[in-house]
Amino acid sequence: MATTDQLIKTVFNKTFKKKTYEELCIGKLAHVDFKDTIDMGDTIEVLLPGNVTLFPSDGNTLTGNAEEVQVATTQIKVDHCEAVFFTMNDAKKQQIENAPTDDAKIDLIAEYSNDAVKKFAAKIDEEYGKLYARAGMTISDSAVTLSSANISKFFALMNAKFKRGDKMGHTSWVQNKMLAIIPPEMTAVLTGMTDLQYVESRAKEIVNGYVGRLQGWDIIESNNIYSYEDDGQVYYQPLFGQQGATLAGGVQSTFKLIDNIPDKGFNTEYKGKGVFGVGAPRADLFGTQTVKLSISL
């Protein structure tokens, strides 16, 4: 049976990658590469999904030179680091050690690991949220006032922006892959709308923050959407894009937690760090719009 120290490190490190991705909200727009060996200052290349041209055909065998799949790569600088450094008192360690099974021990340790993962994912989302300025698609140069009367039209207009494409067979719209990331205040405007559809399969796939589907957009709520106040009015920058293809990121795949007993102490110390970098390489798949809200109770 593993020692308590070994279990604590295992729970942090083995579940870190999966749970970090599940906890991302804005990060669902990103192709995230999890790397085992990266550190602060590294530069990594992230390869984003490619696309191909759709063209008319007479149904006969195709000849000539095949098109090379168009892909996008981006260089991501690993320039963010978040760390944990904690100790566990004897009472807590005894509680873990006295648990009847390893699964029960893991559940107790998970109180610490799950909290760390949630906070780490929130930090990544926060950095993704700051990339709104790189968005290539907007509806209007000025702020749009949203209410329950016009918010569905707002999502429909952004839908049209993405669907128009480049007239060469490439479109920025892929059915069942389009995400709108909104602040909680916008969710309040959507409350009670009959055309907001809850799609259980998408909720299970997205996991965290799922609100529902409107005008083809799967909507995710995030506290990390950029906002600012001007003259007593709050403005928001909701984000729109393709799931896993609009943004890019490189993230350390485990927290690499280690344990240590300090020279002048009795309780074991646990320390670890996670590093990451983010970028916005696909302006053609990235939308935003400054909005203000009109909410009636």
C-alpha atoms as a PDB file:
ATOM      1  CA  MET A   1       0.000   0.000   0.000  1.00  0.00           C
ATOM      2  CA  ALA A   2       1.322   3.429  -0.926  1.00  0.00           C
ATOM      3  CA  THR A   3       2.396   5.784   1.825  1.00  0.00           C
ATOM      4  CA  THR A   4       0.358   8.915   2.471  1.00  0.00           C
ATOM      5  CA  ASP A   5       3.109  11.088   0.997  1.00  0.00           C
ATOM      6  CA  GLN A   6       3.189   8.972  -2.160  1.00  0.00           C
ATOM      7  CA  LEU A   7      -0.595   9.107  -2.508  1.00  0.00           C
ATOM      8  CA  ILE A   8      -0.673  12.885  -2.115  1.00  0.00           C
ATOM      9  CA  LYS A   9       1.881  13.304  -4.899  1.00  0.00           C
ATOM     10  CA  THR A  10       0.160  10.725  -7.119  1.00  0.00           C
ATOM     11  CA  VAL A  11      -3.288  12.313  -6.784  1.00  0.00           C
ATOM     12  CA  PHE A  12      -1.896  15.730  -7.727  1.00  0.00           C
ATOM     13  CA  ASN A  13       0.225  14.538 -10.616  1.00  0.00           C
ATOM     14  CA  LYS A  14      -1.789  11.734 -12.256  1.00  0.00           C
ATOM     15  CA  THR A  15      -5.129  13.558 -12.507  1.00  0.00           C
ATOM     16  CA  PHE A  16      -3.738  17.003 -13.270  1.00  0.00           C
ATOM     17  CA  LYS A  17      -3.902  16.958 -17.093  1.00  0.00           C
ATOM     18  CA  LYS A  18      -7.460  15.609 -17.436  1.00  0.00           C
ATOM     19  CA  LYS A  19      -8.991  17.749 -14.720  1.00  0.00           C
ATOM     20  CA  THR A  20      -7.239  20.923 -15.875  1.00  0.00           C
ATOM     21  CA  TYR A  21      -8.791  20.624 -19.353  1.00  0.00           C
ATOM     22  CA  GLU A  22     -12.229  19.863 -17.905  1.00  0.00           C
ATOM     23  CA  GLU A  23     -12.094  23.002 -15.768  1.00  0.00           C
ATOM     24  CA  LEU A  24     -11.211  25.335 -18.659  1.00  0.00           C
ATOM     25  CA  CYS A  25     -13.963  27.583 -20.040  1.00  0.00           C
ATOM     26  CA  ILE A  26     -12.384  30.114 -22.416  1.00  0.00           C
ATOM     27  CA  GLY A  27      -9.701  27.470 -22.917  1.00  0.00           C
ATOM     28  CA  LYS A  28     -12.268  25.311 -24.727  1.00  0.00           C
ATOM     29  CA  LEU A  29     -11.642  27.604 -27.708  1.00  0.00           C
ATOM     30  CA  ALA A  30      -8.010  26.551 -27.660  1.00  0.00           C
ATOM     31  CA  HIS A  31      -5.975  23.696 -29.005  1.00  0.00           C
ATOM     32  CA  VAL A  32      -4.050  22.933 -25.812  1.00  0.00           C
ATOM     33  CA  ASP A  33      -0.817  20.961 -25.981  1.00  0.00           C
ATOM     34  CA  PHE A  34       0.062  19.381 -22.651  1.00  0.00           C
ATOM     35  CA  LYS A  35       3.817  18.992 -22.351  1.00  0.00           C
ATOM     36  CA  ASP A  36       5.765  16.820 -19.922  1.00  0.00           C
ATOM     37  CA  THR A  37       8.983  18.815 -20.106  1.00  0.00           C
ATOM     38  CA  ILE A  38       8.491  22.562 -20.372  1.00  0.00           C
ATOM     39  CA  ASP A  39       9.650  25.362 -18.126  1.00  0.00           C
ATOM     40  CA  MET A  40       9.496  29.142 -17.866  1.00  0.00           C
ATOM     41  CA  GLY A  41      11.058  30.851 -20.887  1.00  0.00           C
ATOM     42  CA  ASP A  42      10.589  27.914 -23.283  1.00  0.00           C
ATOM     43  CA  THR A  43       9.012  28.421 -26.700  1.00  0.00           C
ATOM     44  CA  ILE A  44       6.844  25.635 -28.071  1.00  0.00           C
ATOM     45  CA  GLU A  45       5.162  25.199 -31.457  1.00  0.00           C
ATOM     46  CA  VAL A  46       1.453  24.418 -31.380  1.00  0.00           C
ATOM     47  CA  LEU A  47      -0.110  22.902 -34.517  1.00  0.00           C
ATOM     48  CA  LEU A  48      -3.763  23.857 -34.972  1.00  0.00           C
ATOM     49  CA  PRO A  49      -6.342  21.794 -36.939  1.00  0.00           C
ATOM     50  CA  GLY A  50      -6.211  22.354 -40.704  1.00  0.00           C
ATOM     51  CA  ASN A  51      -8.891  22.824 -43.351  1.00  0.00           C
ATOM     52  CA  VAL A  52      -9.439  21.816 -46.978  1.00  0.00           C
ATOM     53  CA  THR A  53     -11.254  23.430 -49.910  1.00  0.00           C
ATOM     54  CA  LEU A  54     -14.691  22.181 -50.974  1.00  0.00           C
ATOM     55  CA  PHE A  55     -15.336  22.474 -54.738  1.00  0.00           C
ATOM     56  CA  PRO A  56     -17.885  21.257 -57.325  1.00  0.00           C
ATOM     57  CA  SER A  57     -17.208  17.920 -59.026  1.00  0.00           C
ATOM     58  CA  ASP A  58     -18.810  15.944 -61.868  1.00  0.00           C
ATOM     59  CA  GLY A  59     -18.450  12.773 -59.833  1.00  0.00           C
ATOM     60  CA  ASN A  60     -15.608  11.333 -61.925  1.00  0.00           C
ATOM     61  CA  THR A  61     -12.168  10.351 -60.653  1.00  0.00           C
ATOM     62  CA  LEU A  62     -10.196  13.371 -59.477  1.00  0.00           C
ATOM     63  CA  THR A  63      -6.848  13.998 -61.154  1.00  0.00           C
ATOM     64  CA  GLY A  64      -4.050  16.515 -60.955  1.00  0.00           C
ATOM     65  CA  ASN A  65      -2.278  17.711 -57.841  1.00  0.00           C
ATOM     66  CA  ALA A  66      -3.947  17.238 -54.491  1.00  0.00           C
ATOM     67  CA  GLU A  67      -4.334  20.299 -52.293  1.00  0.00           C
ATOM     68  CA  GLU A  68      -2.031  20.442 -49.304  1.00  0.00           C
ATOM     69  CA  VAL A  69      -4.061  20.726 -46.121  1.00  0.00           C
ATOM     70  CA  GLN A  70      -3.899  24.278 -44.817  1.00  0.00           C
ATOM     71  CA  VAL A  71      -2.709  24.282 -41.230  1.00  0.00           C
ATOM     72  CA  ALA A  72      -1.788  26.987 -38.788  1.00  0.00           C
ATOM     73  CA  THR A  73       1.140  26.813 -36.430  1.00  0.00           C
ATOM     74  CA  THR A  74       1.996  29.279 -33.733  1.00  0.00           C
ATOM     75  CA  GLN A  75       4.923  29.812 -31.412  1.00  0.00           C
ATOM     76  CA  ILE A  76       3.821  29.964 -27.788  1.00  0.00           C
ATOM     77  CA  LYS A  77       6.031  31.476 -25.128  1.00  0.00           C
ATOM     78  CA  VAL A  78       5.826  29.727 -21.754  1.00  0.00           C
ATOM     79  CA  ASP A  79       5.680  32.817 -19.571  1.00  0.00           C
ATOM     80  CA  HIS A  80       3.242  32.067 -16.729  1.00  0.00           C
ATOM     81  CA  CYS A  81       3.870  30.040 -13.599  1.00  0.00           C
ATOM     82  CA  GLU A  82       1.571  29.138 -10.716  1.00  0.00           C
ATOM     83  CA  ALA A  83       2.803  27.263  -7.640  1.00  0.00           C
ATOM     84  CA  VAL A  84       1.509  25.465  -4.559  1.00  0.00           C
ATOM     85  CA  PHE A  85       3.398  25.226  -1.278  1.00  0.00           C
ATOM     86  CA  PHE A  86       1.491  23.719   1.637  1.00  0.00           C
ATOM     87  CA  THR A  87       1.798  21.500   4.648  1.00  0.00           C
ATOM     88  CA  MET A  88      -0.686  19.038   6.120  1.00  0.00           C
ATOM     89  CA  ASN A  89      -1.116  18.857   9.880  1.00  0.00           C
ATOM     90  CA  ASP A  90      -0.921  15.575  11.774  1.00  0.00           C
ATOM     91  CA  ALA A  91      -4.690  15.358  12.319  1.00  0.00           C
ATOM     92  CA  LYS A  92      -5.398  15.542   8.599  1.00  0.00           C
ATOM     93  CA  LYS A  93      -2.668  13.044   7.724  1.00  0.00           C
ATOM     94  CA  GLN A  94      -3.978  10.687  10.392  1.00  0.00           C
ATOM     95  CA  GLN A  95      -7.477  10.969   8.945  1.00  0.00           C
ATOM     96  CA  ILE A  96      -6.105   9.977   5.531  1.00  0.00           C
ATOM     97  CA  GLU A  97      -4.021   7.118   6.924  1.00  0.00           C
ATOM     98  CA  ASN A  98      -7.012   5.747   8.886  1.00  0.00           C
ATOM     99  CA  ALA A  99      -9.297   5.679   5.834  1.00  0.00           C
ATOM    100  CA  PRO A 100     -10.353   2.063   5.115  1.00  0.00           C
ATOM    101  CA  THR A 101      -9.276   1.893   1.435  1.00  0.00           C
ATOM    102  CA  ASP A 102      -6.915   3.618  -0.982  1.00  0.00           C
ATOM    103  CA  ASP A 103      -9.955   5.028  -2.782  1.00  0.00           C
ATOM    104  CA  ALA A 104     -11.154   6.588   0.460  1.00  0.00           C
ATOM    105  CA  LYS A 105      -7.693   8.059   1.052  1.00  0.00           C
ATOM    106  CA  ILE A 106      -7.662   9.508  -2.465  1.00  0.00           C
ATOM    107  CA  ASP A 107     -11.063  11.143  -1.890  1.00  0.00           C
ATOM    108  CA  LEU A 108      -9.693  12.948   1.166  1.00  0.00           C
ATOM    109  CA  ILE A 109      -6.546  14.083  -0.636  1.00  0.00           C
ATOM    110  CA  ALA A 110      -8.650  15.261  -3.591  1.00  0.00           C
ATOM    111  CA  GLU A 111      -9.890  18.168  -1.466  1.00  0.00           C
ATOM    112  CA  TYR A 112      -6.452  19.693  -1.990  1.00  0.00           C
ATOM    113  CA  SER A 113      -5.734  18.587  -5.551  1.00  0.00           C
ATOM    114  CA  ASN A 114      -9.144  19.565  -6.954  1.00  0.00           C
ATOM    115  CA  ASP A 115      -8.884  23.013  -5.410  1.00  0.00           C
ATOM    116  CA  ALA A 116      -5.420  23.525  -6.922  1.00  0.00           C
ATOM    117  CA  VAL A 117      -6.537  22.332 -10.363  1.00  0.00           C
ATOM    118  CA  LYS A 118      -9.594  24.640 -10.384  1.00  0.00           C
ATOM    119  CA  LYS A 119      -7.441  27.634  -9.499  1.00  0.00           C
ATOM    120  CA  PHE A 120      -4.760  26.730 -12.060  1.00  0.00           C
ATOM    121  CA  ALA A 121      -7.362  26.368 -14.837  1.00  0.00           C
ATOM    122  CA  ALA A 122      -8.895  29.706 -13.824  1.00  0.00           C
ATOM    123  CA  LYS A 123      -5.490  31.368 -14.209  1.00  0.00           C
ATOM    124  CA  ILE A 124      -5.130  29.913 -17.716  1.00  0.00           C
ATOM    125  CA  ASP A 125      -8.648  31.080 -18.611  1.00  0.00           C
ATOM    126  CA  GLU A 126      -7.841  34.542 -17.277  1.00  0.00           C
ATOM    127  CA  GLU A 127      -4.904  34.841 -19.681  1.00  0.00           C
ATOM    128  CA  TYR A 128      -7.006  33.562 -22.603  1.00  0.00           C
ATOM    129  CA  GLY A 129      -9.630  36.186 -21.750  1.00  0.00           C
ATOM    130  CA  LYS A 130      -7.084  38.963 -22.259  1.00  0.00           C
ATOM    131  CA  LEU A 131      -6.640  37.923 -25.903  1.00  0.00           C
ATOM    132  CA  TYR A 132     -10.021  39.423 -26.897  1.00  0.00           C
ATOM    133  CA  ALA A 133      -8.131  42.308 -28.585  1.00  0.00           C
ATOM    134  CA  ARG A 134      -6.852  39.828 -31.223  1.00  0.00           C
ATOM    135  CA  ALA A 135     -10.368  38.948 -32.424  1.00  0.00           C
ATOM    136  CA  GLY A 136     -10.931  39.473 -36.140  1.00  0.00           C
ATOM    137  CA  MET A 137     -14.742  39.560 -36.259  1.00  0.00           C
ATOM    138  CA  THR A 138     -17.101  42.109 -34.719  1.00  0.00           C
ATOM    139  CA  ILE A 139     -20.694  43.154 -35.368  1.00  0.00           C
ATOM    140  CA  SER A 140     -20.360  46.865 -34.654  1.00  0.00           C
ATOM    141  CA  ASP A 141     -17.644  49.394 -33.887  1.00  0.00           C
ATOM    142  CA  SER A 142     -19.705  50.768 -31.008  1.00  0.00           C
ATOM    143  CA  ALA A 143     -21.091  48.943 -27.984  1.00  0.00           C
ATOM    144  CA  VAL A 144     -24.300  46.955 -28.462  1.00  0.00           C
ATOM    145  CA  THR A 145     -27.001  47.093 -25.779  1.00  0.00           C
ATOM    146  CA  LEU A 146     -28.389  43.604 -25.160  1.00  0.00           C
ATOM    147  CA  SER A 147     -31.757  42.740 -23.645  1.00  0.00           C
ATOM    148  CA  SER A 148     -33.988  39.674 -23.656  1.00  0.00           C
ATOM    149  CA  ALA A 149     -35.712  41.190 -26.723  1.00  0.00           C
ATOM    150  CA  ASN A 150     -32.640  41.297 -28.976  1.00  0.00           C
ATOM    151  CA  ILE A 151     -30.027  38.915 -27.559  1.00  0.00           C
ATOM    152  CA  SER A 152     -31.090  36.040 -29.848  1.00  0.00           C
ATOM    153  CA  LYS A 153     -30.618  38.316 -32.876  1.00  0.00           C
ATOM    154  CA  PHE A 154     -27.175  39.259 -31.507  1.00  0.00           C
ATOM    155  CA  PHE A 155     -26.076  35.605 -31.538  1.00  0.00           C
ATOM    156  CA  ALA A 156     -27.624  35.158 -35.013  1.00  0.00           C
ATOM    157  CA  LEU A 157     -25.627  38.093 -36.398  1.00  0.00           C
ATOM    158  CA  MET A 158     -22.362  36.695 -35.038  1.00  0.00           C
ATOM    159  CA  ASN A 159     -23.375  33.315 -36.519  1.00  0.00           C
ATOM    160  CA  ALA A 160     -23.699  35.002 -39.938  1.00  0.00           C
ATOM    161  CA  LYS A 161     -20.271  36.649 -39.578  1.00  0.00           C
ATOM    162  CA  PHE A 162     -18.632  33.255 -39.107  1.00  0.00           C
ATOM    163  CA  LYS A 163     -20.636  31.471 -41.828  1.00  0.00           C
ATOM    164  CA  ARG A 164     -19.873  33.920 -44.633  1.00  0.00           C
ATOM    165  CA  GLY A 165     -16.349  32.542 -45.087  1.00  0.00           C
ATOM    166  CA  ASP A 166     -13.881  33.544 -47.794  1.00  0.00           C
ATOM    167  CA  LYS A 167     -15.885  32.471 -50.899  1.00  0.00           C
ATOM    168  CA  MET A 168     -13.263  29.794 -51.625  1.00  0.00           C
ATOM    169  CA  GLY A 169     -15.013  26.972 -49.824  1.00  0.00           C
ATOM    170  CA  HIS A 170     -13.562  27.881 -46.442  1.00  0.00           C
ATOM    171  CA  THR A 171     -15.964  28.869 -43.711  1.00  0.00           C
ATOM    172  CA  SER A 172     -15.271  29.796 -40.123  1.00  0.00           C
ATOM    173  CA  TRP A 173     -18.375  27.868 -39.061  1.00  0.00           C
ATOM    174  CA  VAL A 174     -18.276  24.156 -38.181  1.00  0.00           C
ATOM    175  CA  GLN A 175     -21.573  22.740 -36.962  1.00  0.00           C
ATOM    176  CA  ASN A 176     -21.548  21.578 -33.323  1.00  0.00           C
ATOM    177  CA  LYS A 177     -18.089  23.091 -32.769  1.00  0.00           C
ATOM    178  CA  MET A 178     -18.930  26.767 -32.268  1.00  0.00           C
ATOM    179  CA  LEU A 179     -18.576  28.277 -28.808  1.00  0.00           C
ATOM    180  CA  ALA A 180     -19.687  31.575 -27.304  1.00  0.00           C
ATOM    181  CA  ILE A 181     -18.015  32.438 -23.998  1.00  0.00           C
ATOM    182  CA  ILE A 182     -20.056  34.955 -22.014  1.00  0.00           C
ATOM    183  CA  PRO A 183     -19.937  36.573 -18.559  1.00  0.00           C
ATOM    184  CA  PRO A 184     -22.490  35.498 -15.896  1.00  0.00           C
ATOM    185  CA  GLU A 185     -24.315  38.801 -16.351  1.00  0.00           C
ATOM    186  CA  MET A 186     -25.212  37.812 -19.930  1.00  0.00           C
ATOM    187  CA  THR A 187     -26.510  34.481 -18.655  1.00  0.00           C
ATOM    188  CA  ALA A 188     -28.965  36.486 -16.559  1.00  0.00           C
ATOM    189  CA  VAL A 189     -30.337  38.085 -19.758  1.00  0.00           C
ATOM    190  CA  LEU A 190     -30.777  34.630 -21.313  1.00  0.00           C
ATOM    191  CA  THR A 191     -32.714  33.263 -18.318  1.00  0.00           C
ATOM    192  CA  GLY A 192     -36.187  32.064 -19.271  1.00  0.00           C
ATOM    193  CA  MET A 193     -35.708  32.323 -23.039  1.00  0.00           C
ATOM    194  CA  THR A 194     -37.667  29.537 -24.743  1.00  0.00           C
ATOM    195  CA  ASP A 195     -35.233  29.239 -27.686  1.00  0.00           C
ATOM    196  CA  LEU A 196     -32.210  28.619 -25.439  1.00  0.00           C
ATOM    197  CA  GLN A 197     -31.746  24.853 -25.823  1.00  0.00           C
ATOM    198  CA  TYR A 198     -29.948  22.644 -23.314  1.00  0.00           C
ATOM    199  CA  VAL A 199     -27.996  19.958 -25.227  1.00  0.00           C
ATOM    200  CA  GLU A 200     -27.059  17.170 -22.831  1.00  0.00           C
ATOM    201  CA  SER A 201     -24.400  15.617 -25.075  1.00  0.00           C
ATOM    202  CA  ARG A 202     -22.586  18.951 -25.388  1.00  0.00           C
ATOM    203  CA  ALA A 203     -22.917  19.605 -21.670  1.00  0.00           C
ATOM    204  CA  LYS A 204     -21.148  16.303 -20.974  1.00  0.00           C
ATOM    205  CA  GLU A 205     -18.397  17.084 -23.484  1.00  0.00           C
ATOM    206  CA  ILE A 206     -17.782  20.665 -22.369  1.00  0.00           C
ATOM    207  CA  VAL A 207     -18.212  19.771 -18.648  1.00  0.00           C
ATOM    208  CA  ASN A 208     -17.650  23.152 -17.014  1.00  0.00           C
ATOM    209  CA  GLY A 209     -19.735  26.319 -17.427  1.00  0.00           C
ATOM    210  CA  TYR A 210     -22.207  25.025 -20.042  1.00  0.00           C
ATOM    211  CA  VAL A 211     -25.362  27.165 -20.365  1.00  0.00           C
ATOM    212  CA  GLY A 212     -27.081  25.917 -23.520  1.00  0.00           C
ATOM    213  CA  ARG A 213     -27.326  26.442 -27.291  1.00  0.00           C
ATOM    214  CA  LEU A 214     -28.688  29.504 -29.077  1.00  0.00           C
ATOM    215  CA  GLN A 215     -28.498  30.282 -32.807  1.00  0.00           C
ATOM    216  CA  GLY A 216     -26.028  27.420 -33.258  1.00  0.00           C
ATOM    217  CA  TRP A 217     -23.665  28.632 -30.524  1.00  0.00           C
ATOM    218  CA  ASP A 218     -22.915  26.398 -27.549  1.00  0.00           C
ATOM    219  CA  ILE A 219     -22.727  28.938 -24.747  1.00  0.00           C
ATOM    220  CA  ILE A 220     -20.277  28.693 -21.860  1.00  0.00           C
ATOM    221  CA  GLU A 221     -20.248  31.022 -18.859  1.00  0.00           C
ATOM    222  CA  SER A 222     -16.920  32.333 -17.548  1.00  0.00           C
ATOM    223  CA  ASN A 223     -15.911  34.792 -14.847  1.00  0.00           C
ATOM    224  CA  ASN A 224     -12.781  35.593 -16.878  1.00  0.00           C
ATOM    225  CA  ILE A 225     -14.448  37.478 -19.734  1.00  0.00           C
ATOM    226  CA  TYR A 226     -12.866  40.926 -19.996  1.00  0.00           C
ATOM    227  CA  SER A 227     -14.997  43.808 -18.681  1.00  0.00           C
ATOM    228  CA  TYR A 228     -14.480  47.458 -17.833  1.00  0.00           C
ATOM    229  CA  GLU A 229     -16.489  50.352 -16.381  1.00  0.00           C
ATOM    230  CA  ASP A 230     -16.940  53.737 -18.023  1.00  0.00           C
ATOM    231  CA  ASP A 231     -19.130  56.546 -16.704  1.00  0.00           C
ATOM    232  CA  GLY A 232     -21.027  54.162 -14.416  1.00  0.00           C
ATOM    233  CA  GLN A 233     -21.746  51.653 -17.202  1.00  0.00           C
ATOM    234  CA  VAL A 234     -20.185  48.176 -17.279  1.00  0.00           C
ATOM    235  CA  TYR A 235     -19.051  46.875 -20.663  1.00  0.00           C
ATOM    236  CA  TYR A 236     -18.231  43.241 -21.523  1.00  0.00           C
ATOM    237  CA  GLN A 237     -16.292  41.474 -24.288  1.00  0.00           C
ATOM    238  CA  PRO A 238     -17.890  38.034 -24.910  1.00  0.00           C
ATOM    239  CA  LEU A 239     -15.766  35.756 -27.116  1.00  0.00           C
ATOM    240  CA  PHE A 240     -16.757  33.596 -30.094  1.00  0.00           C
ATOM    241  CA  GLY A 241     -14.858  30.911 -31.954  1.00  0.00           C
ATOM    242  CA  GLN A 242     -14.312  27.314 -32.958  1.00  0.00           C
ATOM    243  CA  GLN A 243     -13.810  24.747 -30.241  1.00  0.00           C
ATOM    244  CA  GLY A 244     -10.185  23.644 -30.078  1.00  0.00           C
ATOM    245  CA  ALA A 245      -9.109  25.681 -33.116  1.00  0.00           C
ATOM    246  CA  THR A 246      -9.241  29.428 -32.390  1.00  0.00           C
ATOM    247  CA  LEU A 247      -6.723  29.920 -29.587  1.00  0.00           C
ATOM    248  CA  ALA A 248      -3.577  27.973 -28.690  1.00  0.00           C
ATOM    249  CA  GLY A 249      -1.804  27.023 -25.509  1.00  0.00           C
ATOM    250  CA  GLY A 250       1.032  25.043 -24.053  1.00  0.00           C
ATOM    251  CA  VAL A 251       0.511  23.690 -20.542  1.00  0.00           C
ATOM    252  CA  GLN A 252       2.644  21.572 -18.228  1.00  0.00           C
ATOM    253  CA  SER A 253       0.994  18.158 -18.017  1.00  0.00           C
ATOM    254  CA  THR A 254       1.587  17.465 -14.297  1.00  0.00           C
ATOM    255  CA  PHE A 255       2.118  19.666 -11.270  1.00  0.00           C
ATOM    256  CA  LYS A 256       5.283  17.736 -10.368  1.00  0.00           C
ATOM    257  CA  LEU A 257       4.493  17.862  -6.677  1.00  0.00           C
ATOM    258  CA  ILE A 258       7.378  16.947  -4.374  1.00  0.00           C
ATOM    259  CA  ASP A 259       7.534  16.488  -0.607  1.00  0.00           C
ATOM    260  CA  ASN A 260      10.111  17.670   1.875  1.00  0.00           C
ATOM    261  CA  ILE A 261      10.538  17.681   5.674  1.00  0.00           C
ATOM    262  CA  PRO A 262      12.132  21.011   6.660  1.00  0.00           C
ATOM    263  CA  ASP A 263      15.132  21.055   8.990  1.00  0.00           C
ATOM    264  CA  LYS A 264      13.262  22.909  11.732  1.00  0.00           C
ATOM    265  CA  GLY A 265       9.840  21.332  11.471  1.00  0.00           C
ATOM    266  CA  PHE A 266       7.827  18.155  11.825  1.00  0.00           C
ATOM    267  CA  ASN A 267       5.109  18.374   9.167  1.00  0.00           C
ATOM    268  CA  THR A 268       5.920  17.417   5.588  1.00  0.00           C
ATOM    269  CA  GLU A 269       5.888  20.278   3.089  1.00  0.00           C
ATOM    270  CA  TYR A 270       4.509  19.770  -0.400  1.00  0.00           C
ATOM    271  CA  LYS A 271       5.496  22.032  -3.255  1.00  0.00           C
ATOM    272  CA  GLY A 272       4.979  22.079  -6.977  1.00  0.00           C
ATOM    273  CA  LYS A 273       4.469  24.389  -9.934  1.00  0.00           C
ATOM    274  CA  GLY A 274       2.617  24.498 -13.221  1.00  0.00           C
ATOM    275  CA  VAL A 275       3.766  26.601 -16.182  1.00  0.00           C
ATOM    276  CA  PHE A 276       1.895  27.608 -19.323  1.00  0.00           C
ATOM    277  CA  GLY A 277       1.685  30.015 -22.245  1.00  0.00           C
ATOM    278  CA  VAL A 278      -1.241  31.155 -24.409  1.00  0.00           C
ATOM    279  CA  GLY A 279      -1.748  32.763 -27.812  1.00  0.00           C
ATOM    280  CA  ALA A 280      -4.397  33.840 -30.355  1.00  0.00           C
ATOM    281  CA  PRO A 281      -3.161  32.759 -33.808  1.00  0.00           C
ATOM    282  CA  ARG A 282      -6.490  32.497 -35.683  1.00  0.00           C
ATOM    283  CA  ALA A 283      -8.060  35.949 -35.987  1.00  0.00           C
ATOM    284  CA  ASP A 284     -10.201  34.531 -38.818  1.00  0.00           C
ATOM    285  CA  LEU A 285     -11.851  32.160 -36.322  1.00  0.00           C
ATOM    286  CA  PHE A 286     -12.095  34.642 -33.454  1.00  0.00           C
ATOM    287  CA  GLY A 287     -14.925  37.060 -32.703  1.00  0.00           C
ATOM    288  CA  THR A 288     -15.840  39.532 -29.993  1.00  0.00           C
ATOM    289  CA  GLN A 289     -18.200  42.447 -29.509  1.00  0.00           C
ATOM    290  CA  THR A 290     -18.376  45.145 -26.849  1.00  0.00           C
ATOM    291  CA  VAL A 291     -21.773  44.886 -25.163  1.00  0.00           C
ATOM    292  CA  LYS A 292     -23.681  46.491 -22.331  1.00  0.00           C
ATOM    293  CA  LEU A 293     -26.729  44.934 -20.735  1.00  0.00           C
ATOM    294  CA  SER A 294     -30.297  45.994 -20.139  1.00  0.00           C
ATOM    295  CA  ILE A 295     -31.800  43.732 -17.475  1.00  0.00           C
ATOM    296  CA  SER A 296     -35.325  44.111 -16.072  1.00  0.00           C
ATOM    297  CA  LEU A 297     -36.462  42.193 -12.975  1.00  0.00           C
END
